[in-house]
PDB file of N, CA and C in Angstrom:
ATOM      1  N   UNK A   1     -30.941 -46.889 -17.613  1.00  0.00           N
ATOM      2  CA  UNK A   1     -30.121 -45.958 -16.867  1.00  0.00           C
ATOM      3  C   UNK A   1     -30.879 -45.532 -15.605  1.00  0.00           C
ATOM      4  N   UNK A   2     -30.178 -45.424 -14.516  1.00  0.00           N
ATOM      5  CA  UNK A   2     -30.829 -45.090 -13.256  1.00  0.00           C
ATOM      6  C   UNK A   2     -31.170 -43.608 -13.182  1.00  0.00           C
ATOM      7  N   UNK A   3     -32.173 -43.303 -12.385  1.00  0.00           N
ATOM      8  CA  UNK A   3     -32.608 -41.920 -12.217  1.00  0.00           C
ATOM      9  C   UNK A   3     -31.881 -41.305 -11.029  1.00  0.00           C
ATOM     10  N   UNK A   4     -30.603 -40.975 -11.257  1.00  0.00           N
ATOM     11  CA  UNK A   4     -29.768 -40.405 -10.212  1.00  0.00           C
ATOM     12  C   UNK A   4     -29.057 -39.184 -10.783  1.00  0.00           C
ATOM     13  N   UNK A   5     -29.046 -38.100 -10.011  1.00  0.00           N
ATOM     14  CA  UNK A   5     -28.327 -36.891 -10.411  1.00  0.00           C
ATOM     15  C   UNK A   5     -26.827 -37.180 -10.344  1.00  0.00           C
ATOM     16  N   UNK A   6     -26.110 -36.822 -11.397  1.00  0.00           N
ATOM     17  CA  UNK A   6     -24.681 -37.120 -11.462  1.00  0.00           C
ATOM     18  C   UNK A   6     -23.831 -36.153 -10.635  1.00  0.00           C
ATOM     19  N   UNK A   7     -24.393 -35.024 -10.226  1.00  0.00           N
ATOM     20  CA  UNK A   7     -23.624 -34.065  -9.434  1.00  0.00           C
ATOM     21  C   UNK A   7     -23.953 -34.107  -7.952  1.00  0.00           C
ATOM     22  N   UNK A   8     -25.223 -34.342  -7.601  1.00  0.00           N
ATOM     23  CA  UNK A   8     -25.612 -34.312  -6.195  1.00  0.00           C
ATOM     24  C   UNK A   8     -25.926 -35.685  -5.634  1.00  0.00           C
ATOM     25  N   UNK A   9     -26.131 -36.680  -6.495  1.00  0.00           N
ATOM     26  CA  UNK A   9     -26.457 -38.023  -6.018  1.00  0.00           C
ATOM     27  C   UNK A   9     -27.913 -38.191  -5.621  1.00  0.00           C
ATOM     28  N   UNK A  10     -28.760 -37.210  -5.929  1.00  0.00           N
ATOM     29  CA  UNK A  10     -30.179 -37.333  -5.596  1.00  0.00           C
ATOM     30  C   UNK A  10     -30.779 -38.492  -6.379  1.00  0.00           C
ATOM     31  N   UNK A  11     -31.668 -39.251  -5.706  1.00  0.00           N
ATOM     32  CA  UNK A  11     -32.331 -40.385  -6.346  1.00  0.00           C
ATOM     33  C   UNK A  11     -33.768 -40.449  -5.887  1.00  0.00           C
ATOM     34  N   UNK A  12     -34.506 -41.439  -6.393  1.00  0.00           N
ATOM     35  CA  UNK A  12     -35.921 -41.572  -6.065  1.00  0.00           C
ATOM     36  C   UNK A  12     -36.101 -41.915  -4.590  1.00  0.00           C
ATOM     37  N   UNK A  13     -37.149 -41.341  -3.994  1.00  0.00           N
ATOM     38  CA  UNK A  13     -37.529 -41.657  -2.620  1.00  0.00           C
ATOM     39  C   UNK A  13     -38.795 -42.508  -2.657  1.00  0.00           C
ATOM     40  N   UNK A  14     -39.038 -43.252  -1.595  1.00  0.00           N
ATOM     41  CA  UNK A  14     -40.222 -44.100  -1.522  1.00  0.00           C
ATOM     42  C   UNK A  14     -41.158 -43.535  -0.469  1.00  0.00           C
ATOM     43  N   UNK A  15     -42.448 -43.548  -0.807  1.00  0.00           N
ATOM     44  CA  UNK A  15     -43.450 -43.050   0.129  1.00  0.00           C
ATOM     45  C   UNK A  15     -44.771 -43.748  -0.102  1.00  0.00           C
ATOM     46  N   UNK A  16     -45.835 -43.140   0.353  1.00  0.00           N
ATOM     47  CA  UNK A  16     -47.161 -43.725   0.236  1.00  0.00           C
ATOM     48  C   UNK A  16     -48.116 -42.780  -0.474  1.00  0.00           C
ATOM     49  N   UNK A  17     -49.018 -43.373  -1.303  1.00  0.00           N
ATOM     50  CA  UNK A  17     -50.224 -42.676  -1.729  1.00  0.00           C
ATOM     51  C   UNK A  17     -51.220 -42.867  -0.611  1.00  0.00           C
ATOM     52  N   UNK A  18     -51.845 -41.808  -0.145  1.00  0.00           N
ATOM     53  CA  UNK A  18     -52.815 -41.922   0.939  1.00  0.00           C
ATOM     54  C   UNK A  18     -54.161 -41.453   0.409  1.00  0.00           C
ATOM     55  N   UNK A  19     -55.134 -42.357   0.380  1.00  0.00           N
ATOM     56  CA  UNK A  19     -56.460 -42.016  -0.114  1.00  0.00           C
ATOM     57  C   UNK A  19     -57.263 -41.302   0.967  1.00  0.00           C
ATOM     58  N   UNK A  20     -58.447 -40.863   0.604  1.00  0.00           N
ATOM     59  CA  UNK A  20     -59.326 -40.185   1.559  1.00  0.00           C
ATOM     60  C   UNK A  20     -59.709 -41.121   2.709  1.00  0.00           C
ATOM     61  N   UNK A  21     -59.778 -42.412   2.403  1.00  0.00           N
ATOM     62  CA  UNK A  21     -60.099 -43.410   3.421  1.00  0.00           C
ATOM     63  C   UNK A  21     -58.855 -43.891   4.167  1.00  0.00           C
ATOM     64  N   UNK A  22     -57.719 -43.206   3.942  1.00  0.00           N
ATOM     65  CA  UNK A  22     -56.426 -43.499   4.567  1.00  0.00           C
ATOM     66  C   UNK A  22     -55.857 -44.863   4.187  1.00  0.00           C
ATOM     67  N   UNK A  23     -56.244 -45.368   3.008  1.00  0.00           N
ATOM     68  CA  UNK A  23     -55.581 -46.564   2.477  1.00  0.00           C
ATOM     69  C   UNK A  23     -54.223 -46.125   1.954  1.00  0.00           C
ATOM     70  N   UNK A  24     -53.203 -46.922   2.259  1.00  0.00           N
ATOM     71  CA  UNK A  24     -51.854 -46.554   1.851  1.00  0.00           C
ATOM     72  C   UNK A  24     -51.301 -47.562   0.851  1.00  0.00           C
ATOM     73  N   UNK A  25     -50.786 -47.057  -0.271  1.00  0.00           N
ATOM     74  CA  UNK A  25     -50.115 -47.895  -1.262  1.00  0.00           C
ATOM     75  C   UNK A  25     -48.769 -47.252  -1.573  1.00  0.00           C
ATOM     76  N   UNK A  26     -47.780 -48.078  -1.861  1.00  0.00           N
ATOM     77  CA  UNK A  26     -46.423 -47.591  -2.110  1.00  0.00           C
ATOM     78  C   UNK A  26     -46.364 -46.794  -3.416  1.00  0.00           C
ATOM     79  N   UNK A  27     -45.509 -45.778  -3.423  1.00  0.00           N
ATOM     80  CA  UNK A  27     -45.253 -44.985  -4.616  1.00  0.00           C
ATOM     81  C   UNK A  27     -43.830 -44.460  -4.570  1.00  0.00           C
ATOM     82  N   UNK A  28     -43.370 -43.914  -5.686  1.00  0.00           N
ATOM     83  CA  UNK A  28     -42.033 -43.335  -5.772  1.00  0.00           C
ATOM     84  C   UNK A  28     -42.117 -41.837  -6.013  1.00  0.00           C
ATOM     85  N   UNK A  29     -41.219 -41.106  -5.378  1.00  0.00           N
ATOM     86  CA  UNK A  29     -41.025 -39.692  -5.658  1.00  0.00           C
ATOM     87  C   UNK A  29     -39.710 -39.595  -6.432  1.00  0.00           C
ATOM     88  N   UNK A  30     -39.793 -39.456  -7.751  1.00  0.00           N
ATOM     89  CA  UNK A  30     -38.592 -39.390  -8.576  1.00  0.00           C
ATOM     90  C   UNK A  30     -37.955 -38.006  -8.498  1.00  0.00           C
ATOM     91  N   UNK A  31     -36.644 -37.968  -8.647  1.00  0.00           N
ATOM     92  CA  UNK A  31     -35.920 -36.699  -8.679  1.00  0.00           C
ATOM     93  C   UNK A  31     -36.251 -35.985  -9.988  1.00  0.00           C
ATOM     94  N   UNK A  32     -36.269 -34.666  -9.951  1.00  0.00           N
ATOM     95  CA  UNK A  32     -36.554 -33.860 -11.137  1.00  0.00           C
ATOM     96  C   UNK A  32     -35.270 -33.719 -11.945  1.00  0.00           C
ATOM     97  N   UNK A  33     -35.067 -34.633 -12.909  1.00  0.00           N
ATOM     98  CA  UNK A  33     -33.811 -34.699 -13.662  1.00  0.00           C
ATOM     99  C   UNK A  33     -33.963 -34.158 -15.076  1.00  0.00           C
ATOM    100  N   UNK A  34     -32.904 -33.515 -15.556  1.00  0.00           N
ATOM    101  CA  UNK A  34     -32.826 -33.056 -16.934  1.00  0.00           C
ATOM    102  C   UNK A  34     -31.465 -33.428 -17.500  1.00  0.00           C
ATOM    103  N   UNK A  35     -31.444 -33.749 -18.792  1.00  0.00           N
ATOM    104  CA  UNK A  35     -30.190 -34.031 -19.477  1.00  0.00           C
ATOM    105  C   UNK A  35     -29.710 -32.712 -20.075  1.00  0.00           C
ATOM    106  N   UNK A  36     -28.496 -32.301 -19.729  1.00  0.00           N
ATOM    107  CA  UNK A  36     -28.033 -30.970 -20.102  1.00  0.00           C
ATOM    108  C   UNK A  36     -26.579 -31.013 -20.529  1.00  0.00           C
ATOM    109  N   UNK A  37     -26.249 -30.236 -21.559  1.00  0.00           N
ATOM    110  CA  UNK A  37     -24.862 -30.111 -22.018  1.00  0.00           C
ATOM    111  C   UNK A  37     -24.235 -28.875 -21.391  1.00  0.00           C
ATOM    112  N   UNK A  38     -22.988 -29.031 -20.950  1.00  0.00           N
ATOM    113  CA  UNK A  38     -22.254 -27.919 -20.340  1.00  0.00           C
ATOM    114  C   UNK A  38     -20.922 -27.770 -21.053  1.00  0.00           C
ATOM    115  N   UNK A  39     -20.503 -26.531 -21.214  1.00  0.00           N
ATOM    116  CA  UNK A  39     -19.198 -26.242 -21.809  1.00  0.00           C
ATOM    117  C   UNK A  39     -18.207 -25.952 -20.695  1.00  0.00           C
ATOM    118  N   UNK A  40     -17.076 -26.658 -20.730  1.00  0.00           N
ATOM    119  CA  UNK A  40     -16.019 -26.449 -19.738  1.00  0.00           C
ATOM    120  C   UNK A  40     -14.867 -25.721 -20.438  1.00  0.00           C
ATOM    121  N   UNK A  41     -14.701 -24.435 -20.161  1.00  0.00           N
ATOM    122  CA  UNK A  41     -13.677 -23.667 -20.878  1.00  0.00           C
ATOM    123  C   UNK A  41     -12.248 -24.093 -20.559  1.00  0.00           C
ATOM    124  N   UNK A  42     -11.997 -24.590 -19.324  1.00  0.00           N
ATOM    125  CA  UNK A  42     -10.645 -25.003 -18.965  1.00  0.00           C
ATOM    126  C   UNK A  42     -10.169 -26.178 -19.819  1.00  0.00           C
ATOM    127  N   UNK A  43     -11.080 -27.093 -20.123  1.00  0.00           N
ATOM    128  CA  UNK A  43     -10.735 -28.269 -20.933  1.00  0.00           C
ATOM    129  C   UNK A  43     -11.135 -28.087 -22.383  1.00  0.00           C
ATOM    130  N   UNK A  44     -11.810 -26.981 -22.703  1.00  0.00           N
ATOM    131  CA  UNK A  44     -12.280 -26.669 -24.055  1.00  0.00           C
ATOM    132  C   UNK A  44     -13.093 -27.815 -24.646  1.00  0.00           C
ATOM    133  N   UNK A  45     -14.101 -28.303 -23.870  1.00  0.00           N
ATOM    134  CA  UNK A  45     -14.949 -29.382 -24.376  1.00  0.00           C
ATOM    135  C   UNK A  45     -16.342 -29.301 -23.758  1.00  0.00           C
ATOM    136  N   UNK A  46     -17.266 -29.974 -24.400  1.00  0.00           N
ATOM    137  CA  UNK A  46     -18.650 -30.074 -23.932  1.00  0.00           C
ATOM    138  C   UNK A  46     -18.840 -31.409 -23.231  1.00  0.00           C
ATOM    139  N   UNK A  47     -19.633 -31.416 -22.139  1.00  0.00           N
ATOM    140  CA  UNK A  47     -19.993 -32.672 -21.486  1.00  0.00           C
ATOM    141  C   UNK A  47     -21.507 -32.691 -21.297  1.00  0.00           C
ATOM    142  N   UNK A  48     -22.081 -33.876 -21.327  1.00  0.00           N
ATOM    143  CA  UNK A  48     -23.504 -34.048 -21.106  1.00  0.00           C
ATOM    144  C   UNK A  48     -23.697 -34.727 -19.754  1.00  0.00           C
ATOM    145  N   UNK A  49     -24.498 -34.109 -18.906  1.00  0.00           N
ATOM    146  CA  UNK A  49     -24.761 -34.638 -17.573  1.00  0.00           C
ATOM    147  C   UNK A  49     -26.261 -34.749 -17.354  1.00  0.00           C
ATOM    148  N   UNK A  50     -26.659 -35.755 -16.569  1.00  0.00           N
ATOM    149  CA  UNK A  50     -28.042 -35.862 -16.119  1.00  0.00           C
ATOM    150  C   UNK A  50     -28.078 -35.291 -14.710  1.00  0.00           C
ATOM    151  N   UNK A  51     -28.626 -34.066 -14.575  1.00  0.00           N
ATOM    152  CA  UNK A  51     -28.590 -33.354 -13.296  1.00  0.00           C
ATOM    153  C   UNK A  51     -30.003 -32.995 -12.838  1.00  0.00           C
ATOM    154  N   UNK A  52     -30.146 -32.839 -11.532  1.00  0.00           N
ATOM    155  CA  UNK A  52     -31.414 -32.373 -10.979  1.00  0.00           C
ATOM    156  C   UNK A  52     -31.520 -30.870 -11.189  1.00  0.00           C
ATOM    157  N   UNK A  53     -32.738 -30.362 -11.125  1.00  0.00           N
ATOM    158  CA  UNK A  53     -32.922 -28.932 -11.341  1.00  0.00           C
ATOM    159  C   UNK A  53     -32.314 -28.126 -10.202  1.00  0.00           C
ATOM    160  N   UNK A  54     -32.244 -28.704  -9.000  1.00  0.00           N
ATOM    161  CA  UNK A  54     -31.568 -27.989  -7.904  1.00  0.00           C
ATOM    162  C   UNK A  54     -30.063 -27.913  -8.164  1.00  0.00           C
ATOM    163  N   UNK A  55     -29.498 -28.927  -8.830  1.00  0.00           N
ATOM    164  CA  UNK A  55     -28.085 -28.880  -9.199  1.00  0.00           C
ATOM    165  C   UNK A  55     -27.848 -27.819 -10.271  1.00  0.00           C
ATOM    166  N   UNK A  56     -28.826 -27.614 -11.169  1.00  0.00           N
ATOM    167  CA  UNK A  56     -28.704 -26.556 -12.171  1.00  0.00           C
ATOM    168  C   UNK A  56     -28.614 -25.187 -11.510  1.00  0.00           C
ATOM    169  N   UNK A  57     -29.409 -24.971 -10.458  1.00  0.00           N
ATOM    170  CA  UNK A  57     -29.343 -23.705  -9.725  1.00  0.00           C
ATOM    171  C   UNK A  57     -27.981 -23.532  -9.076  1.00  0.00           C
ATOM    172  N   UNK A  58     -27.410 -24.628  -8.556  1.00  0.00           N
ATOM    173  CA  UNK A  58     -26.089 -24.577  -7.949  1.00  0.00           C
ATOM    174  C   UNK A  58     -25.031 -24.251  -8.995  1.00  0.00           C
ATOM    175  N   UNK A  59     -25.151 -24.857 -10.178  1.00  0.00           N
ATOM    176  CA  UNK A  59     -24.201 -24.598 -11.264  1.00  0.00           C
ATOM    177  C   UNK A  59     -24.271 -23.131 -11.688  1.00  0.00           C
ATOM    178  N   UNK A  60     -25.484 -22.580 -11.763  1.00  0.00           N
ATOM    179  CA  UNK A  60     -25.627 -21.161 -12.114  1.00  0.00           C
ATOM    180  C   UNK A  60     -24.992 -20.264 -11.060  1.00  0.00           C
ATOM    181  N   UNK A  61     -24.997 -20.713  -9.824  1.00  0.00           N
ATOM    182  CA  UNK A  61     -24.473 -19.891  -8.731  1.00  0.00           C
ATOM    183  C   UNK A  61     -22.947 -19.978  -8.614  1.00  0.00           C
ATOM    184  N   UNK A  62     -22.395 -21.224  -8.604  1.00  0.00           N
ATOM    185  CA  UNK A  62     -20.954 -21.368  -8.354  1.00  0.00           C
ATOM    186  C   UNK A  62     -20.145 -21.700  -9.599  1.00  0.00           C
ATOM    187  N   UNK A  63     -20.808 -22.066 -10.696  1.00  0.00           N
ATOM    188  CA  UNK A  63     -20.107 -22.398 -11.934  1.00  0.00           C
ATOM    189  C   UNK A  63     -19.936 -23.895 -12.106  1.00  0.00           C
ATOM    190  N   UNK A  64     -19.819 -24.321 -13.353  1.00  0.00           N
ATOM    191  CA  UNK A  64     -19.745 -25.754 -13.672  1.00  0.00           C
ATOM    192  C   UNK A  64     -18.441 -26.365 -13.170  1.00  0.00           C
ATOM    193  N   UNK A  65     -17.338 -25.644 -13.263  1.00  0.00           N
ATOM    194  CA  UNK A  65     -16.046 -26.198 -12.842  1.00  0.00           C
ATOM    195  C   UNK A  65     -16.034 -26.490 -11.346  1.00  0.00           C
ATOM    196  N   UNK A  66     -16.545 -25.560 -10.550  1.00  0.00           N
ATOM    197  CA  UNK A  66     -16.592 -25.750  -9.098  1.00  0.00           C
ATOM    198  C   UNK A  66     -17.569 -26.859  -8.726  1.00  0.00           C
ATOM    199  N   UNK A  67     -18.681 -26.955  -9.454  1.00  0.00           N
ATOM    200  CA  UNK A  67     -19.673 -27.992  -9.168  1.00  0.00           C
ATOM    201  C   UNK A  67     -19.113 -29.380  -9.471  1.00  0.00           C
ATOM    202  N   UNK A  68     -18.375 -29.513 -10.567  1.00  0.00           N
ATOM    203  CA  UNK A  68     -17.761 -30.799 -10.923  1.00  0.00           C
ATOM    204  C   UNK A  68     -16.682 -31.168  -9.910  1.00  0.00           C
ATOM    205  N   UNK A  69     -15.899 -30.187  -9.498  1.00  0.00           N
ATOM    206  CA  UNK A  69     -14.848 -30.428  -8.509  1.00  0.00           C
ATOM    207  C   UNK A  69     -15.448 -30.918  -7.191  1.00  0.00           C
ATOM    208  N   UNK A  70     -16.549 -30.299  -6.774  1.00  0.00           N
ATOM    209  CA  UNK A  70     -17.230 -30.690  -5.546  1.00  0.00           C
ATOM    210  C   UNK A  70     -17.840 -32.090  -5.655  1.00  0.00           C
ATOM    211  N   UNK A  71     -18.415 -32.415  -6.814  1.00  0.00           N
ATOM    212  CA  UNK A  71     -19.006 -33.738  -7.032  1.00  0.00           C
ATOM    213  C   UNK A  71     -17.940 -34.825  -7.030  1.00  0.00           C
ATOM    214  N   UNK A  72     -16.766 -34.526  -7.581  1.00  0.00           N
ATOM    215  CA  UNK A  72     -15.673 -35.502  -7.579  1.00  0.00           C
ATOM    216  C   UNK A  72     -15.169 -35.752  -6.163  1.00  0.00           C
ATOM    217  N   UNK A  73     -15.121 -34.688  -5.357  1.00  0.00           N
ATOM    218  CA  UNK A  73     -14.636 -34.866  -3.982  1.00  0.00           C
ATOM    219  C   UNK A  73     -15.626 -35.675  -3.132  1.00  0.00           C
ATOM    220  N   UNK A  74     -16.922 -35.574  -3.463  1.00  0.00           N
ATOM    221  CA  UNK A  74     -17.930 -36.344  -2.739  1.00  0.00           C
ATOM    222  C   UNK A  74     -18.112 -37.749  -3.309  1.00  0.00           C
ATOM    223  N   UNK A  75     -17.502 -38.020  -4.478  1.00  0.00           N
ATOM    224  CA  UNK A  75     -17.551 -39.358  -5.048  1.00  0.00           C
ATOM    225  C   UNK A  75     -18.730 -39.615  -5.976  1.00  0.00           C
ATOM    226  N   UNK A  76     -19.455 -38.578  -6.386  1.00  0.00           N
ATOM    227  CA  UNK A  76     -20.582 -38.776  -7.283  1.00  0.00           C
ATOM    228  C   UNK A  76     -20.165 -38.836  -8.734  1.00  0.00           C
ATOM    229  N   UNK A  77     -19.044 -38.232  -9.059  1.00  0.00           N
ATOM    230  CA  UNK A  77     -18.570 -38.151 -10.428  1.00  0.00           C
ATOM    231  C   UNK A  77     -17.165 -38.735 -10.497  1.00  0.00           C
ATOM    232  N   UNK A  78     -16.854 -39.435 -11.589  1.00  0.00           N
ATOM    233  CA  UNK A  78     -15.534 -40.058 -11.727  1.00  0.00           C
ATOM    234  C   UNK A  78     -14.470 -39.037 -12.022  1.00  0.00           C
TER     235      UNK A  78
END
């Protein structure tokens, strides 16, 4: 399974490890993802999403229903 947030579309970035001697080697910066269950009262069901921790803060602020609606409009969620 890919390391992509299902609500925001965040994914791994590519960068460099830089040593003291300024040698550069490729590395990945993975998104901070957690698997979390959410209860949707409108549909009376639980869903499990793999979301970034920044998406969790957004869900706490605007609510799960609004976050899912926004993700669907942006095309991240079916």
